[in-house]
């Protein structure tokens, strides 16, 4: 079987991140392990998990089951609000290491800013300390708006490598993407194909482009993410879809087609508001 490997993007603090990976929520246990192993065998080298997914044990098992050297996988996880302090981040990191069964994490992220709590800058300071000692290779935040990122940069002097946000052709997040780009932050798209519904997969524009390139609408969407310079982490437990999702490096949308897909944007009404939601 021929495997495809995603190209990588350079990060601010020196690491590189694959442009396409496997999302693992809400898989658990053996299901998570099987999906991770299948993805690695198909060529995936980026795997995303989180404390809150309660599947770090399965993700770690999947990496071991694949028989691949740990250094070949860019492993990312996220911590919850209770750890938003310098010492708390270290404790969250050590707990994730135990659950994953690994000796380091590539990218550790703050899962939600939780501005009501207001201590996310201290969490970034904790990430910076882990980075400085070599325990992690990159600093990340998730679901951060420009206002949250601005506060982080102004108060800590630290700019995250990655901001992982909900992003699809129906929610293109132009303001967040522009801020990230301006500050050298890579934007990573969670729910890149719009979640479990079929709205995007059945969108006439995307279906038509798929017919043109002999690809699925899902593959067109993932290609759109890549051509915008984003990292996409579609979730699937189905081996066929896992293989389909990474088979997106043998065609290219035209600039006009990228713009047409972007024009499907419906604003942020369907996006979880990180000023009021978080864990």
Protein backbone atom coordinates (compact mmCIF):
# COMPACT_ATOMS: atom_id res chain seq x y z
CA UNK A 1 0.00 0.00 0.00
CA UNK A 2 1.30 3.45 -0.93
CA UNK A 3 1.11 5.95 1.91
CA UNK A 4 0.89 9.72 1.61
CA UNK A 5 2.76 12.02 3.94
CA UNK A 6 1.62 15.56 4.66
CA UNK A 7 4.10 18.37 4.10
CA UNK A 8 5.08 20.34 7.18
CA UNK A 9 4.96 23.98 8.24
CA UNK A 10 7.61 25.71 10.36
CA UNK A 11 6.59 26.92 13.81
CA UNK A 12 7.83 30.02 15.64
CA UNK A 13 9.86 28.12 18.22
CA UNK A 14 11.68 25.89 15.74
CA UNK A 15 9.57 22.74 15.39
CA UNK A 16 7.65 21.76 12.26
CA UNK A 17 4.05 20.53 12.19
CA UNK A 18 2.42 18.28 9.56
CA UNK A 19 -0.37 20.07 7.70
CA UNK A 20 -2.85 17.22 8.12
CA UNK A 21 -3.45 14.99 11.12
CA UNK A 22 -5.94 12.84 12.96
CA UNK A 23 -8.46 14.30 15.38
CA UNK A 24 -9.53 11.78 18.01
CA UNK A 25 -12.55 13.19 19.87
CA UNK A 26 -14.85 11.42 20.91
CA UNK A 27 -13.07 8.10 20.39
CA UNK A 28 -12.14 6.19 23.54
CA UNK A 29 -10.00 3.22 24.56
CA UNK A 30 -9.57 0.50 21.97
CA UNK A 31 -11.45 2.53 19.35
CA UNK A 32 -9.02 5.41 19.75
CA UNK A 33 -6.04 3.04 19.64
CA UNK A 34 -7.30 1.37 16.46
CA UNK A 35 -7.94 4.69 14.70
CA UNK A 36 -4.49 6.02 15.60
CA UNK A 37 -2.76 2.86 14.44
CA UNK A 38 -4.73 2.88 11.17
CA UNK A 39 -3.91 6.54 10.59
CA UNK A 40 -0.20 6.09 11.21
CA UNK A 41 -0.14 3.13 8.85
CA UNK A 42 -1.85 5.33 6.24
CA UNK A 43 0.86 7.97 6.57
CA UNK A 44 -0.44 10.35 9.23
CA UNK A 45 2.28 11.87 11.40
CA UNK A 46 0.17 14.32 13.46
CA UNK A 47 -2.19 13.04 16.16
CA UNK A 48 -4.34 15.35 18.29
CA UNK A 49 -5.85 14.52 21.66
CA UNK A 50 -6.75 16.28 24.93
CA UNK A 51 -7.13 15.65 28.63
CA UNK A 52 -10.84 16.36 28.22
CA UNK A 53 -11.28 13.71 25.51
CA UNK A 54 -10.39 11.02 28.08
CA UNK A 55 -8.62 9.03 25.40
CA UNK A 56 -4.94 9.84 25.88
CA UNK A 57 -4.37 6.25 27.01
CA UNK A 58 -5.87 4.90 23.79
CA UNK A 59 -3.96 7.38 21.64
CA UNK A 60 -0.67 6.38 23.26
CA UNK A 61 -1.52 2.71 22.79
CA UNK A 62 -2.26 3.32 19.11
CA UNK A 63 1.15 4.90 18.59
CA UNK A 64 2.84 1.92 20.25
CA UNK A 65 0.71 -0.55 18.28
CA UNK A 66 1.78 1.09 15.02
CA UNK A 67 5.38 0.16 15.83
CA UNK A 68 6.66 3.58 14.81
CA UNK A 69 9.43 5.50 16.50
CA UNK A 70 7.98 8.10 18.86
CA UNK A 71 10.06 10.83 17.17
CA UNK A 72 8.19 10.32 13.88
CA UNK A 73 4.82 11.36 15.34
CA UNK A 74 3.95 14.97 16.18
CA UNK A 75 1.79 14.42 19.24
CA UNK A 76 -0.45 17.19 20.60
CA UNK A 77 -2.65 17.34 23.67
CA UNK A 78 -4.53 20.00 25.65
CA UNK A 79 -5.11 20.88 29.29
CA UNK A 80 -8.23 22.01 31.14
CA UNK A 81 -8.97 25.21 33.04
CA UNK A 82 -8.08 23.87 36.47
CA UNK A 83 -4.40 23.89 35.41
CA UNK A 84 -4.23 27.56 34.38
CA UNK A 85 -1.17 28.44 36.47
CA UNK A 86 2.57 28.00 35.97
CA UNK A 87 2.75 25.03 38.33
CA UNK A 88 -0.61 23.72 37.17
CA UNK A 89 0.59 23.41 33.59
CA UNK A 90 3.54 21.32 34.74
CA UNK A 91 1.25 19.00 36.70
CA UNK A 92 -1.11 18.70 33.70
CA UNK A 93 1.85 17.92 31.45
CA UNK A 94 3.13 15.20 33.76
CA UNK A 95 -0.33 13.66 34.05
CA UNK A 96 -0.73 13.61 30.25
CA UNK A 97 2.68 11.95 29.89
CA UNK A 98 1.51 9.20 32.23
CA UNK A 99 -1.77 8.65 30.42
CA UNK A 100 -0.14 8.73 26.97
CA UNK A 101 2.77 6.53 28.05
CA UNK A 102 5.33 8.76 26.32
CA UNK A 103 8.35 10.70 27.56
CA UNK A 104 7.58 14.01 25.86
CA UNK A 105 4.78 15.89 24.09
CA UNK A 106 5.43 17.87 20.92
CA UNK A 107 2.72 20.50 21.28
CA UNK A 108 0.90 21.20 24.54
CA UNK A 109 -2.12 23.48 24.30
CA UNK A 110 -4.45 25.42 26.57
CA UNK A 111 -7.80 23.96 25.53
CA UNK A 112 -9.99 27.02 26.19
CA UNK A 113 -9.09 30.53 27.40
CA UNK A 114 -11.79 30.65 30.10
CA UNK A 115 -11.63 34.46 30.42
CA UNK A 116 -14.01 34.33 33.38
CA UNK A 117 -11.17 32.70 35.29
CA UNK A 118 -8.68 35.05 33.67
CA UNK A 119 -5.46 33.15 34.37
CA UNK A 120 -4.65 31.90 30.87
CA UNK A 121 -1.55 34.17 30.64
CA UNK A 122 -0.10 32.28 33.61
CA UNK A 123 -0.81 29.03 31.79
CA UNK A 124 1.17 30.35 28.81
CA UNK A 125 4.03 31.17 31.18
CA UNK A 126 3.88 27.56 32.32
CA UNK A 127 4.06 26.35 28.73
CA UNK A 128 7.04 28.65 28.10
CA UNK A 129 8.86 27.11 31.06
CA UNK A 130 8.32 23.60 29.67
CA UNK A 131 9.50 24.74 26.24
CA UNK A 132 12.65 26.33 27.66
CA UNK A 133 13.65 23.11 29.41
CA UNK A 134 12.92 21.01 26.31
CA UNK A 135 9.95 19.08 27.73
CA UNK A 136 7.74 20.25 24.84
CA UNK A 137 8.67 21.40 21.35
CA UNK A 138 5.91 23.93 20.76
CA UNK A 139 3.40 26.11 22.64
CA UNK A 140 -0.25 26.08 21.67
CA UNK A 141 -3.60 27.58 22.52
CA UNK A 142 -7.02 26.44 21.39
CA UNK A 143 -10.19 28.46 20.81
CA UNK A 144 -8.40 31.75 21.49
CA UNK A 145 -9.82 34.91 19.93
CA UNK A 146 -7.57 37.83 18.92
CA UNK A 147 -8.47 39.57 22.21
CA UNK A 148 -7.19 36.58 24.18
CA UNK A 149 -4.04 36.27 22.10
CA UNK A 150 -3.32 39.98 22.35
CA UNK A 151 -3.46 39.76 26.14
CA UNK A 152 -1.12 36.75 26.13
CA UNK A 153 1.45 38.48 23.94
CA UNK A 154 1.30 41.78 25.84
CA UNK A 155 1.45 40.26 29.34
CA UNK A 156 3.89 37.40 28.80
CA UNK A 157 5.95 38.37 25.75
CA UNK A 158 5.27 34.85 24.45
CA UNK A 159 3.63 34.20 21.09
CA UNK A 160 2.12 30.71 20.72
CA UNK A 161 3.17 28.51 17.83
CA UNK A 162 -0.37 27.31 17.12
CA UNK A 163 -3.96 28.45 17.66
CA UNK A 164 -6.40 25.58 17.14
CA UNK A 165 -9.90 26.87 16.37
CA UNK A 166 -13.19 25.64 14.94
CA UNK A 167 -12.91 26.38 11.22
CA UNK A 168 -14.56 25.15 8.03
CA UNK A 169 -15.82 26.64 4.75
CA UNK A 170 -19.05 27.52 6.59
CA UNK A 171 -17.08 29.31 9.35
CA UNK A 172 -13.90 30.68 7.79
CA UNK A 173 -12.86 32.73 10.84
CA UNK A 174 -11.24 35.46 8.76
CA UNK A 175 -10.52 37.81 11.69
CA UNK A 176 -8.82 35.11 13.76
CA UNK A 177 -6.83 33.81 10.79
CA UNK A 178 -5.63 37.33 9.93
CA UNK A 179 -4.47 37.96 13.51
CA UNK A 180 -2.69 34.60 13.66
CA UNK A 181 -0.95 35.21 10.33
CA UNK A 182 0.13 38.71 11.37
CA UNK A 183 1.83 37.27 14.45
CA UNK A 184 3.35 34.18 12.82
CA UNK A 185 0.92 31.80 14.53
CA UNK A 186 -0.19 28.71 12.60
CA UNK A 187 -3.97 28.27 12.58
CA UNK A 188 -5.11 24.69 13.06
CA UNK A 189 -8.68 23.77 12.12
CA UNK A 190 -10.75 21.54 14.36
CA UNK A 191 -13.99 20.18 12.92
CA UNK A 192 -12.53 21.06 9.48
CA UNK A 193 -15.29 19.35 7.53
CA UNK A 194 -18.07 20.81 9.64
CA UNK A 195 -18.58 18.07 12.21
CA UNK A 196 -20.65 14.92 11.85
CA UNK A 197 -23.40 16.43 9.69
CA UNK A 198 -23.52 16.08 5.91
CA UNK A 199 -24.18 19.73 5.02
CA UNK A 200 -20.70 20.40 3.70
CA UNK A 201 -20.32 16.97 2.14
CA UNK A 202 -23.50 17.55 0.13
CA UNK A 203 -22.88 21.21 -0.74
CA UNK A 204 -23.37 21.57 -4.52
CA UNK A 205 -20.20 23.63 -5.02
CA UNK A 206 -18.03 21.13 -3.17
CA UNK A 207 -19.66 18.12 -4.82
CA UNK A 208 -19.13 19.76 -8.23
CA UNK A 209 -15.47 20.46 -7.53
CA UNK A 210 -15.08 16.89 -6.35
CA UNK A 211 -16.49 15.63 -9.64
CA UNK A 212 -14.06 17.84 -11.55
CA UNK A 213 -11.03 16.47 -9.71
CA UNK A 214 -12.40 12.94 -9.16
CA UNK A 215 -12.34 13.55 -5.43
CA UNK A 216 -14.95 13.60 -2.67
CA UNK A 217 -16.41 16.84 -1.33
CA UNK A 218 -14.53 16.09 1.91
CA UNK A 219 -11.24 15.94 0.05
CA UNK A 220 -12.03 19.26 -1.63
CA UNK A 221 -12.65 20.83 1.78
CA UNK A 222 -9.40 19.48 3.19
CA UNK A 223 -7.51 20.72 0.12
CA UNK A 224 -9.02 24.18 0.73
CA UNK A 225 -7.66 24.18 4.30
CA UNK A 226 -4.20 23.23 3.05
CA UNK A 227 -4.13 25.89 0.36
CA UNK A 228 -5.04 28.55 2.92
CA UNK A 229 -1.95 27.54 4.90
CA UNK A 230 -3.94 25.87 7.66
CA UNK A 231 -3.39 22.61 9.52
CA UNK A 232 -6.46 20.34 9.46
CA UNK A 233 -7.24 17.50 11.89
CA UNK A 234 -10.31 15.60 10.63
CA UNK A 235 -11.61 12.90 12.96
CA UNK A 236 -12.57 9.47 11.71
CA UNK A 237 -12.53 5.92 13.02
CA UNK A 238 -13.36 4.43 9.63
CA UNK A 239 -10.28 3.07 7.81
CA UNK A 240 -11.66 4.04 4.43
CA UNK A 241 -12.27 7.64 5.45
CA UNK A 242 -8.94 7.84 7.25
CA UNK A 243 -7.25 6.88 3.97
CA UNK A 244 -9.49 9.22 1.96
CA UNK A 245 -8.74 12.20 4.19
CA UNK A 246 -5.00 12.06 3.60
CA UNK A 247 -5.27 11.48 -0.16
CA UNK A 248 -5.36 15.21 -0.87
CA UNK A 249 -1.83 15.97 -2.04
CA UNK A 250 -2.25 14.95 -5.69
CA UNK A 251 -4.52 17.78 -6.85
CA UNK A 252 -4.84 21.53 -6.43
CA UNK A 253 -7.74 23.96 -6.48
CA UNK A 254 -7.39 27.11 -8.57
CA UNK A 255 -7.27 30.47 -6.75
CA UNK A 256 -10.80 31.19 -7.97
CA UNK A 257 -12.01 27.85 -6.62
CA UNK A 258 -10.40 28.52 -3.22
CA UNK A 259 -12.18 31.89 -3.16
CA UNK A 260 -15.49 30.28 -4.12
CA UNK A 261 -15.20 27.78 -1.26
CA UNK A 262 -14.34 30.62 1.14
CA UNK A 263 -17.46 32.46 -0.05
CA UNK A 264 -19.56 29.69 1.52
CA UNK A 265 -18.82 31.36 4.89
CA UNK A 266 -21.88 31.78 7.11
CA UNK A 267 -20.17 33.73 9.86
CA UNK A 268 -19.58 32.58 13.42
CA UNK A 269 -23.13 31.79 14.56
CA UNK A 270 -22.29 28.08 14.60
CA UNK A 271 -18.98 28.52 16.41
CA UNK A 272 -18.64 27.81 20.13
CA UNK A 273 -18.10 31.18 21.87
CA UNK A 274 -14.89 30.89 23.88
CA UNK A 275 -15.78 33.96 25.92
CA UNK A 276 -18.60 31.99 27.53
CA UNK A 277 -17.78 28.29 26.93
CA UNK A 278 -14.78 26.29 28.08
CA UNK A 279 -13.49 23.57 30.34
